[in-house]
Amino acid sequence: MRKGIHPENYRLVAFKDMSNEDVFLTKSTANTKETLEVEGVEYPLVKMEISRSSHPFYTGKKKLIDTAGRIDKFKTKYAKFKK
């Protein structure tokens, strides 16, 4: 490893998933101005839109888009205008 390129200021940071309010702690160097109290201790807070607790890959709740059904519905709807 090259010396002098890695940050030295790792600290515990609270990451909050805004879609389901899940909070987890991990070490990070992320800069933030907000804080959050977890179990009586105050940590810097990083807000996220999606995390391991809400991502469809990890939760197994994939959204299935029925493109074939939509195409068939479109064709039947506009078949009456066909000349």
PDB file of N, CA and C in Angstrom:
ATOM      1  N   MET A   1       0.840  -1.182   0.000  1.00  0.00           N
ATOM      2  CA  MET A   1       0.000   0.000   0.000  1.00  0.00           C
ATOM      3  C   MET A   1       0.882   1.240   0.000  1.00  0.00           C
ATOM      4  N   ARG A   2       0.438   2.228  -0.756  1.00  0.00           N
ATOM      5  CA  ARG A   2       1.168   3.495  -0.748  1.00  0.00           C
ATOM      6  C   ARG A   2       0.884   4.243   0.537  1.00  0.00           C
ATOM      7  N   LYS A   3       1.869   4.902   1.047  1.00  0.00           N
ATOM      8  CA  LYS A   3       1.714   5.651   2.291  1.00  0.00           C
ATOM      9  C   LYS A   3       1.224   7.065   2.002  1.00  0.00           C
ATOM     10  N   GLY A   4       0.398   7.589   2.928  1.00  0.00           N
ATOM     11  CA  GLY A   4      -0.044   8.958   2.841  1.00  0.00           C
ATOM     12  C   GLY A   4      -1.266   9.218   1.971  1.00  0.00           C
ATOM     13  N   ILE A   5      -1.876   8.182   1.389  1.00  0.00           N
ATOM     14  CA  ILE A   5      -3.044   8.410   0.533  1.00  0.00           C
ATOM     15  C   ILE A   5      -4.353   8.007   1.203  1.00  0.00           C
ATOM     16  N   HIS A   6      -4.291   7.325   2.313  1.00  0.00           N
ATOM     17  CA  HIS A   6      -5.493   6.859   2.994  1.00  0.00           C
ATOM     18  C   HIS A   6      -5.836   7.782   4.166  1.00  0.00           C
ATOM     19  N   PRO A   7      -7.123   8.080   4.351  1.00  0.00           N
ATOM     20  CA  PRO A   7      -7.508   8.981   5.448  1.00  0.00           C
ATOM     21  C   PRO A   7      -7.255   8.348   6.810  1.00  0.00           C
ATOM     22  N   GLU A   8      -6.975   9.209   7.770  1.00  0.00           N
ATOM     23  CA  GLU A   8      -6.687   8.759   9.128  1.00  0.00           C
ATOM     24  C   GLU A   8      -7.857   8.995  10.084  1.00  0.00           C
ATOM     25  N   ASN A   9      -8.850   9.779   9.672  1.00  0.00           N
ATOM     26  CA  ASN A   9      -9.901  10.224  10.589  1.00  0.00           C
ATOM     27  C   ASN A   9     -11.174   9.376  10.511  1.00  0.00           C
ATOM     28  N   TYR A  10     -11.055   8.067  10.558  1.00  0.00           N
ATOM     29  CA  TYR A  10     -12.235   7.204  10.606  1.00  0.00           C
ATOM     30  C   TYR A  10     -12.906   7.339  11.970  1.00  0.00           C
ATOM     31  N   ARG A  11     -14.237   7.398  11.953  1.00  0.00           N
ATOM     32  CA  ARG A  11     -15.008   7.482  13.196  1.00  0.00           C
ATOM     33  C   ARG A  11     -16.340   6.785  12.969  1.00  0.00           C
ATOM     34  N   LEU A  12     -17.046   6.474  14.040  1.00  0.00           N
ATOM     35  CA  LEU A  12     -18.359   5.853  13.906  1.00  0.00           C
ATOM     36  C   LEU A  12     -19.356   6.889  13.409  1.00  0.00           C
ATOM     37  N   VAL A  13     -20.124   6.510  12.382  1.00  0.00           N
ATOM     38  CA  VAL A  13     -21.108   7.390  11.771  1.00  0.00           C
ATOM     39  C   VAL A  13     -22.420   6.628  11.670  1.00  0.00           C
ATOM     40  N   ALA A  14     -23.540   7.311  11.925  1.00  0.00           N
ATOM     41  CA  ALA A  14     -24.870   6.711  11.781  1.00  0.00           C
ATOM     42  C   ALA A  14     -25.369   6.969  10.364  1.00  0.00           C
ATOM     43  N   PHE A  15     -25.720   5.906   9.656  1.00  0.00           N
ATOM     44  CA  PHE A  15     -26.313   6.005   8.331  1.00  0.00           C
ATOM     45  C   PHE A  15     -27.799   5.702   8.467  1.00  0.00           C
ATOM     46  N   LYS A  16     -28.653   6.585   7.945  1.00  0.00           N
ATOM     47  CA  LYS A  16     -30.103   6.425   8.070  1.00  0.00           C
ATOM     48  C   LYS A  16     -30.727   6.296   6.689  1.00  0.00           C
ATOM     49  N   ASP A  17     -31.440   5.190   6.477  1.00  0.00           N
ATOM     50  CA  ASP A  17     -32.185   4.964   5.250  1.00  0.00           C
ATOM     51  C   ASP A  17     -33.495   5.732   5.359  1.00  0.00           C
ATOM     52  N   MET A  18     -33.701   6.728   4.524  1.00  0.00           N
ATOM     53  CA  MET A  18     -34.865   7.591   4.625  1.00  0.00           C
ATOM     54  C   MET A  18     -36.149   6.912   4.136  1.00  0.00           C
ATOM     55  N   SER A  19     -36.039   5.827   3.372  1.00  0.00           N
ATOM     56  CA  SER A  19     -37.245   5.176   2.870  1.00  0.00           C
ATOM     57  C   SER A  19     -37.915   4.289   3.923  1.00  0.00           C
ATOM     58  N   ASN A  20     -37.128   3.742   4.866  1.00  0.00           N
ATOM     59  CA  ASN A  20     -37.741   2.887   5.885  1.00  0.00           C
ATOM     60  C   ASN A  20     -37.247   3.185   7.309  1.00  0.00           C
ATOM     61  N   GLU A  21     -36.523   4.290   7.476  1.00  0.00           N
ATOM     62  CA  GLU A  21     -36.062   4.760   8.795  1.00  0.00           C
ATOM     63  C   GLU A  21     -35.088   3.812   9.485  1.00  0.00           C
ATOM     64  N   ASP A  22     -34.452   2.911   8.758  1.00  0.00           N
ATOM     65  CA  ASP A  22     -33.463   1.996   9.334  1.00  0.00           C
ATOM     66  C   ASP A  22     -32.166   2.762   9.592  1.00  0.00           C
ATOM     67  N   VAL A  23     -31.547   2.540  10.751  1.00  0.00           N
ATOM     68  CA  VAL A  23     -30.298   3.210  11.118  1.00  0.00           C
ATOM     69  C   VAL A  23     -29.256   2.144  11.431  1.00  0.00           C
ATOM     70  N   PHE A  24     -28.049   2.331  10.886  1.00  0.00           N
ATOM     71  CA  PHE A  24     -26.955   1.436  11.244  1.00  0.00           C
ATOM     72  C   PHE A  24     -25.682   2.248  11.411  1.00  0.00           C
ATOM     73  N   LEU A  25     -24.785   1.733  12.221  1.00  0.00           N
ATOM     74  CA  LEU A  25     -23.523   2.403  12.527  1.00  0.00           C
ATOM     75  C   LEU A  25     -22.377   1.699  11.818  1.00  0.00           C
ATOM     76  N   THR A  26     -21.460   2.503  11.305  1.00  0.00           N
ATOM     77  CA  THR A  26     -20.260   1.961  10.695  1.00  0.00           C
ATOM     78  C   THR A  26     -19.180   3.034  10.714  1.00  0.00           C
ATOM     79  N   LYS A  27     -17.936   2.640  10.501  1.00  0.00           N
ATOM     80  CA  LYS A  27     -16.856   3.615  10.465  1.00  0.00           C
ATOM     81  C   LYS A  27     -16.827   4.284   9.098  1.00  0.00           C
ATOM     82  N   SER A  28     -16.619   5.595   9.101  1.00  0.00           N
ATOM     83  CA  SER A  28     -16.603   6.355   7.864  1.00  0.00           C
ATOM     84  C   SER A  28     -15.831   7.648   8.058  1.00  0.00           C
ATOM     85  N   THR A  29     -15.446   8.265   6.935  1.00  0.00           N
ATOM     86  CA  THR A  29     -14.825   9.582   6.961  1.00  0.00           C
ATOM     87  C   THR A  29     -15.757  10.629   6.365  1.00  0.00           C
ATOM     88  N   ALA A  30     -17.010  10.265   6.126  1.00  0.00           N
ATOM     89  CA  ALA A  30     -17.983  11.167   5.506  1.00  0.00           C
ATOM     90  C   ALA A  30     -18.189  12.416   6.361  1.00  0.00           C
ATOM     91  N   ASN A  31     -18.180  13.564   5.706  1.00  0.00           N
ATOM     92  CA  ASN A  31     -18.415  14.833   6.402  1.00  0.00           C
ATOM     93  C   ASN A  31     -19.909  15.102   6.473  1.00  0.00           C
ATOM     94  N   THR A  32     -20.392  15.532   7.632  1.00  0.00           N
ATOM     95  CA  THR A  32     -21.794  15.847   7.807  1.00  0.00           C
ATOM     96  C   THR A  32     -21.958  16.862   8.921  1.00  0.00           C
ATOM     97  N   LYS A  33     -23.028  17.637   8.835  1.00  0.00           N
ATOM     98  CA  LYS A  33     -23.304  18.636   9.867  1.00  0.00           C
ATOM     99  C   LYS A  33     -24.396  18.172  10.819  1.00  0.00           C
ATOM    100  N   GLU A  34     -25.153  17.149  10.428  1.00  0.00           N
ATOM    101  CA  GLU A  34     -26.248  16.660  11.258  1.00  0.00           C
ATOM    102  C   GLU A  34     -25.763  15.556  12.192  1.00  0.00           C
ATOM    103  N   THR A  35     -26.469  15.398  13.324  1.00  0.00           N
ATOM    104  CA  THR A  35     -26.153  14.331  14.263  1.00  0.00           C
ATOM    105  C   THR A  35     -27.423  13.571  14.611  1.00  0.00           C
ATOM    106  N   LEU A  36     -27.244  12.373  15.141  1.00  0.00           N
ATOM    107  CA  LEU A  36     -28.353  11.524  15.553  1.00  0.00           C
ATOM    108  C   LEU A  36     -27.944  10.791  16.821  1.00  0.00           C
ATOM    109  N   GLU A  37     -28.870  10.707  17.764  1.00  0.00           N
ATOM    110  CA  GLU A  37     -28.593   9.994  19.008  1.00  0.00           C
ATOM    111  C   GLU A  37     -29.059   8.550  18.877  1.00  0.00           C
ATOM    112  N   VAL A  38     -28.128   7.623  19.075  1.00  0.00           N
ATOM    113  CA  VAL A  38     -28.420   6.189  19.011  1.00  0.00           C
ATOM    114  C   VAL A  38     -27.978   5.572  20.327  1.00  0.00           C
ATOM    115  N   GLU A  39     -28.931   5.019  21.070  1.00  0.00           N
ATOM    116  CA  GLU A  39     -28.674   4.371  22.353  1.00  0.00           C
ATOM    117  C   GLU A  39     -27.923   5.294  23.310  1.00  0.00           C
ATOM    118  N   GLY A  40     -28.312   6.552  23.329  1.00  0.00           N
ATOM    119  CA  GLY A  40     -27.737   7.510  24.267  1.00  0.00           C
ATOM    120  C   GLY A  40     -26.429   8.145  23.840  1.00  0.00           C
ATOM    121  N   VAL A  41     -25.909   7.769  22.692  1.00  0.00           N
ATOM    122  CA  VAL A  41     -24.658   8.329  22.187  1.00  0.00           C
ATOM    123  C   VAL A  41     -24.962   9.098  20.901  1.00  0.00           C
ATOM    124  N   GLU A  42     -24.366  10.267  20.748  1.00  0.00           N
ATOM    125  CA  GLU A  42     -24.605  11.093  19.573  1.00  0.00           C
ATOM    126  C   GLU A  42     -23.549  10.819  18.508  1.00  0.00           C
ATOM    127  N   TYR A  43     -24.007  10.555  17.276  1.00  0.00           N
ATOM    128  CA  TYR A  43     -23.135  10.246  16.149  1.00  0.00           C
ATOM    129  C   TYR A  43     -23.411  11.203  15.000  1.00  0.00           C
ATOM    130  N   PRO A  44     -22.408  11.456  14.135  1.00  0.00           N
ATOM    131  CA  PRO A  44     -22.677  12.203  12.906  1.00  0.00           C
ATOM    132  C   PRO A  44     -23.666  11.397  12.059  1.00  0.00           C
ATOM    133  N   LEU A  45     -24.562  12.084  11.333  1.00  0.00           N
ATOM    134  CA  LEU A  45     -25.623  11.426  10.579  1.00  0.00           C
ATOM    135  C   LEU A  45     -25.438  11.627   9.083  1.00  0.00           C
ATOM    136  N   VAL A  46     -25.522  10.526   8.325  1.00  0.00           N
ATOM    137  CA  VAL A  46     -25.528  10.560   6.869  1.00  0.00           C
ATOM    138  C   VAL A  46     -26.859   9.965   6.431  1.00  0.00           C
ATOM    139  N   LYS A  47     -27.649  10.741   5.661  1.00  0.00           N
ATOM    140  CA  LYS A  47     -28.953  10.268   5.182  1.00  0.00           C
ATOM    141  C   LYS A  47     -28.782   9.647   3.798  1.00  0.00           C
ATOM    142  N   MET A  48     -29.466   8.497   3.603  1.00  0.00           N
ATOM    143  CA  MET A  48     -29.387   7.780   2.332  1.00  0.00           C
ATOM    144  C   MET A  48     -30.793   7.526   1.812  1.00  0.00           C
ATOM    145  N   GLU A  49     -30.940   7.464   0.499  1.00  0.00           N
ATOM    146  CA  GLU A  49     -32.237   7.171  -0.109  1.00  0.00           C
ATOM    147  C   GLU A  49     -32.511   5.667  -0.133  1.00  0.00           C
ATOM    148  N   ILE A  50     -31.469   4.870  -0.280  1.00  0.00           N
ATOM    149  CA  ILE A  50     -31.649   3.424  -0.371  1.00  0.00           C
ATOM    150  C   ILE A  50     -30.443   2.751   0.281  1.00  0.00           C
ATOM    151  N   SER A  51     -30.689   1.637   0.951  1.00  0.00           N
ATOM    152  CA  SER A  51     -29.605   0.897   1.608  1.00  0.00           C
ATOM    153  C   SER A  51     -29.888  -0.596   1.497  1.00  0.00           C
ATOM    154  N   ARG A  52     -29.116  -1.371   2.212  1.00  0.00           N
ATOM    155  CA  ARG A  52     -29.295  -2.830   2.156  1.00  0.00           C
ATOM    156  C   ARG A  52     -30.655  -3.261   2.684  1.00  0.00           C
ATOM    157  N   SER A  53     -31.273  -2.460   3.527  1.00  0.00           N
ATOM    158  CA  SER A  53     -32.561  -2.845   4.108  1.00  0.00           C
ATOM    159  C   SER A  53     -33.751  -2.464   3.237  1.00  0.00           C
ATOM    160  N   SER A  54     -33.524  -1.673   2.168  1.00  0.00           N
ATOM    161  CA  SER A  54     -34.642  -1.300   1.305  1.00  0.00           C
ATOM    162  C   SER A  54     -34.392  -1.595  -0.172  1.00  0.00           C
ATOM    163  N   HIS A  55     -33.203  -2.022  -0.539  1.00  0.00           N
ATOM    164  CA  HIS A  55     -32.901  -2.305  -1.936  1.00  0.00           C
ATOM    165  C   HIS A  55     -33.579  -3.606  -2.369  1.00  0.00           C
ATOM    166  N   PRO A  56     -34.250  -3.614  -3.522  1.00  0.00           N
ATOM    167  CA  PRO A  56     -34.977  -4.814  -3.964  1.00  0.00           C
ATOM    168  C   PRO A  56     -34.101  -6.056  -4.098  1.00  0.00           C
ATOM    169  N   PHE A  57     -32.835  -5.903  -4.444  1.00  0.00           N
ATOM    170  CA  PHE A  57     -31.957  -7.064  -4.583  1.00  0.00           C
ATOM    171  C   PHE A  57     -31.772  -7.787  -3.255  1.00  0.00           C
ATOM    172  N   TYR A  58     -31.608  -7.027  -2.176  1.00  0.00           N
ATOM    173  CA  TYR A  58     -31.361  -7.614  -0.866  1.00  0.00           C
ATOM    174  C   TYR A  58     -32.647  -8.025  -0.152  1.00  0.00           C
ATOM    175  N   THR A  59     -33.748  -7.337  -0.441  1.00  0.00           N
ATOM    176  CA  THR A  59     -35.002  -7.662   0.239  1.00  0.00           C
ATOM    177  C   THR A  59     -35.770  -8.767  -0.467  1.00  0.00           C
ATOM    178  N   GLY A  60     -35.470  -9.006  -1.739  1.00  0.00           N
ATOM    179  CA  GLY A  60     -36.174 -10.038  -2.494  1.00  0.00           C
ATOM    180  C   GLY A  60     -37.521  -9.578  -3.026  1.00  0.00           C
ATOM    181  N   LYS A  61     -37.830  -8.313  -2.882  1.00  0.00           N
ATOM    182  CA  LYS A  61     -39.096  -7.772  -3.368  1.00  0.00           C
ATOM    183  C   LYS A  61     -38.860  -7.037  -4.681  1.00  0.00           C
ATOM    184  N   LYS A  62     -38.737  -7.802  -5.738  1.00  0.00           N
ATOM    185  CA  LYS A  62     -38.491  -7.209  -7.046  1.00  0.00           C
ATOM    186  C   LYS A  62     -39.805  -6.785  -7.677  1.00  0.00           C
ATOM    187  N   LYS A  63     -39.767  -5.695  -8.401  1.00  0.00           N
ATOM    188  CA  LYS A  63     -40.944  -5.238  -9.122  1.00  0.00           C
ATOM    189  C   LYS A  63     -40.926  -5.860 -10.504  1.00  0.00           C
ATOM    190  N   LEU A  64     -41.991  -6.524 -10.869  1.00  0.00           N
ATOM    191  CA  LEU A  64     -42.098  -7.160 -12.164  1.00  0.00           C
ATOM    192  C   LEU A  64     -42.962  -6.285 -13.060  1.00  0.00           C
ATOM    193  N   ILE A  65     -42.406  -5.870 -14.178  1.00  0.00           N
ATOM    194  CA  ILE A  65     -43.152  -5.049 -15.116  1.00  0.00           C
ATOM    195  C   ILE A  65     -43.689  -5.967 -16.202  1.00  0.00           C
ATOM    196  N   ASP A  66     -44.976  -5.959 -16.366  1.00  0.00           N
ATOM    197  CA  ASP A  66     -45.640  -6.819 -17.341  1.00  0.00           C
ATOM    198  C   ASP A  66     -45.700  -6.098 -18.680  1.00  0.00           C
ATOM    199  N   THR A  67     -44.594  -6.130 -19.425  1.00  0.00           N
ATOM    200  CA  THR A  67     -44.560  -5.412 -20.702  1.00  0.00           C
ATOM    201  C   THR A  67     -45.404  -6.118 -21.752  1.00  0.00           C
ATOM    202  N   ALA A  68     -45.413  -7.442 -21.753  1.00  0.00           N
ATOM    203  CA  ALA A  68     -46.203  -8.171 -22.746  1.00  0.00           C
ATOM    204  C   ALA A  68     -47.689  -7.884 -22.546  1.00  0.00           C
ATOM    205  N   GLY A  69     -48.138  -7.861 -21.319  1.00  0.00           N
ATOM    206  CA  GLY A  69     -49.541  -7.571 -21.030  1.00  0.00           C
ATOM    207  C   GLY A  69     -49.914  -6.160 -21.432  1.00  0.00           C
ATOM    208  N   ARG A  70     -49.025  -5.229 -21.262  1.00  0.00           N
ATOM    209  CA  ARG A  70     -49.294  -3.846 -21.637  1.00  0.00           C
ATOM    210  C   ARG A  70     -49.382  -3.693 -23.145  1.00  0.00           C
ATOM    211  N   ILE A  71     -48.548  -4.419 -23.864  1.00  0.00           N
ATOM    212  CA  ILE A  71     -48.578  -4.355 -25.326  1.00  0.00           C
ATOM    213  C   ILE A  71     -49.878  -4.955 -25.851  1.00  0.00           C
ATOM    214  N   ASP A  72     -50.266  -6.100 -25.306  1.00  0.00           N
ATOM    215  CA  ASP A  72     -51.520  -6.735 -25.725  1.00  0.00           C
ATOM    216  C   ASP A  72     -52.713  -5.831 -25.433  1.00  0.00           C
ATOM    217  N   LYS A  73     -52.700  -5.194 -24.294  1.00  0.00           N
ATOM    218  CA  LYS A  73     -53.783  -4.286 -23.917  1.00  0.00           C
ATOM    219  C   LYS A  73     -53.867  -3.113 -24.895  1.00  0.00           C
ATOM    220  N   PHE A  74     -52.700  -2.598 -25.293  1.00  0.00           N
ATOM    221  CA  PHE A  74     -52.653  -1.489 -26.249  1.00  0.00           C
ATOM    222  C   PHE A  74     -53.222  -1.932 -27.596  1.00  0.00           C
ATOM    223  N   LYS A  75     -52.810  -3.107 -28.065  1.00  0.00           N
ATOM    224  CA  LYS A  75     -53.275  -3.600 -29.367  1.00  0.00           C
ATOM    225  C   LYS A  75     -54.776  -3.826 -29.378  1.00  0.00           C
ATOM    226  N   THR A  76     -55.320  -4.408 -28.328  1.00  0.00           N
ATOM    227  CA  THR A  76     -56.767  -4.645 -28.298  1.00  0.00           C
ATOM    228  C   THR A  76     -57.538  -3.327 -28.191  1.00  0.00           C
ATOM    229  N   LYS A  77     -56.994  -2.357 -27.494  1.00  0.00           N
ATOM    230  CA  LYS A  77     -57.667  -1.081 -27.328  1.00  0.00           C
ATOM    231  C   LYS A  77     -57.776  -0.327 -28.663  1.00  0.00           C
ATOM    232  N   TYR A  78     -56.709  -0.356 -29.461  1.00  0.00           N
ATOM    233  CA  TYR A  78     -56.682   0.401 -30.699  1.00  0.00           C
ATOM    234  C   TYR A  78     -56.964  -0.451 -31.929  1.00  0.00           C
ATOM    235  N   ALA A  79     -57.340  -1.703 -31.748  1.00  0.00           N
ATOM    236  CA  ALA A  79     -57.689  -2.560 -32.884  1.00  0.00           C
ATOM    237  C   ALA A  79     -58.955  -2.068 -33.571  1.00  0.00           C
ATOM    238  N   LYS A  80     -59.847  -1.423 -32.847  1.00  0.00           N
ATOM    239  CA  LYS A  80     -61.099  -0.943 -33.437  1.00  0.00           C
ATOM    240  C   LYS A  80     -60.866   0.209 -34.416  1.00  0.00           C
ATOM    241  N   PHE A  81     -59.725   0.881 -34.347  1.00  0.00           N
ATOM    242  CA  PHE A  81     -59.412   1.978 -35.261  1.00  0.00           C
ATOM    243  C   PHE A  81     -58.678   1.487 -36.506  1.00  0.00           C
ATOM    244  N   LYS A  82     -58.370   0.225 -36.551  1.00  0.00           N
ATOM    245  CA  LYS A  82     -57.624  -0.355 -37.659  1.00  0.00           C
ATOM    246  C   LYS A  82     -58.485  -0.346 -38.913  1.00  0.00           C
ATOM    247  N   LYS A  83     -57.913  -0.007 -40.057  1.00  0.00           N
ATOM    248  CA  LYS A  83     -58.670   0.051 -41.314  1.00  0.00           C
ATOM    249  C   LYS A  83     -58.479  -1.191 -42.128  1.00  0.00           C
TER     250      LYS A  83
END
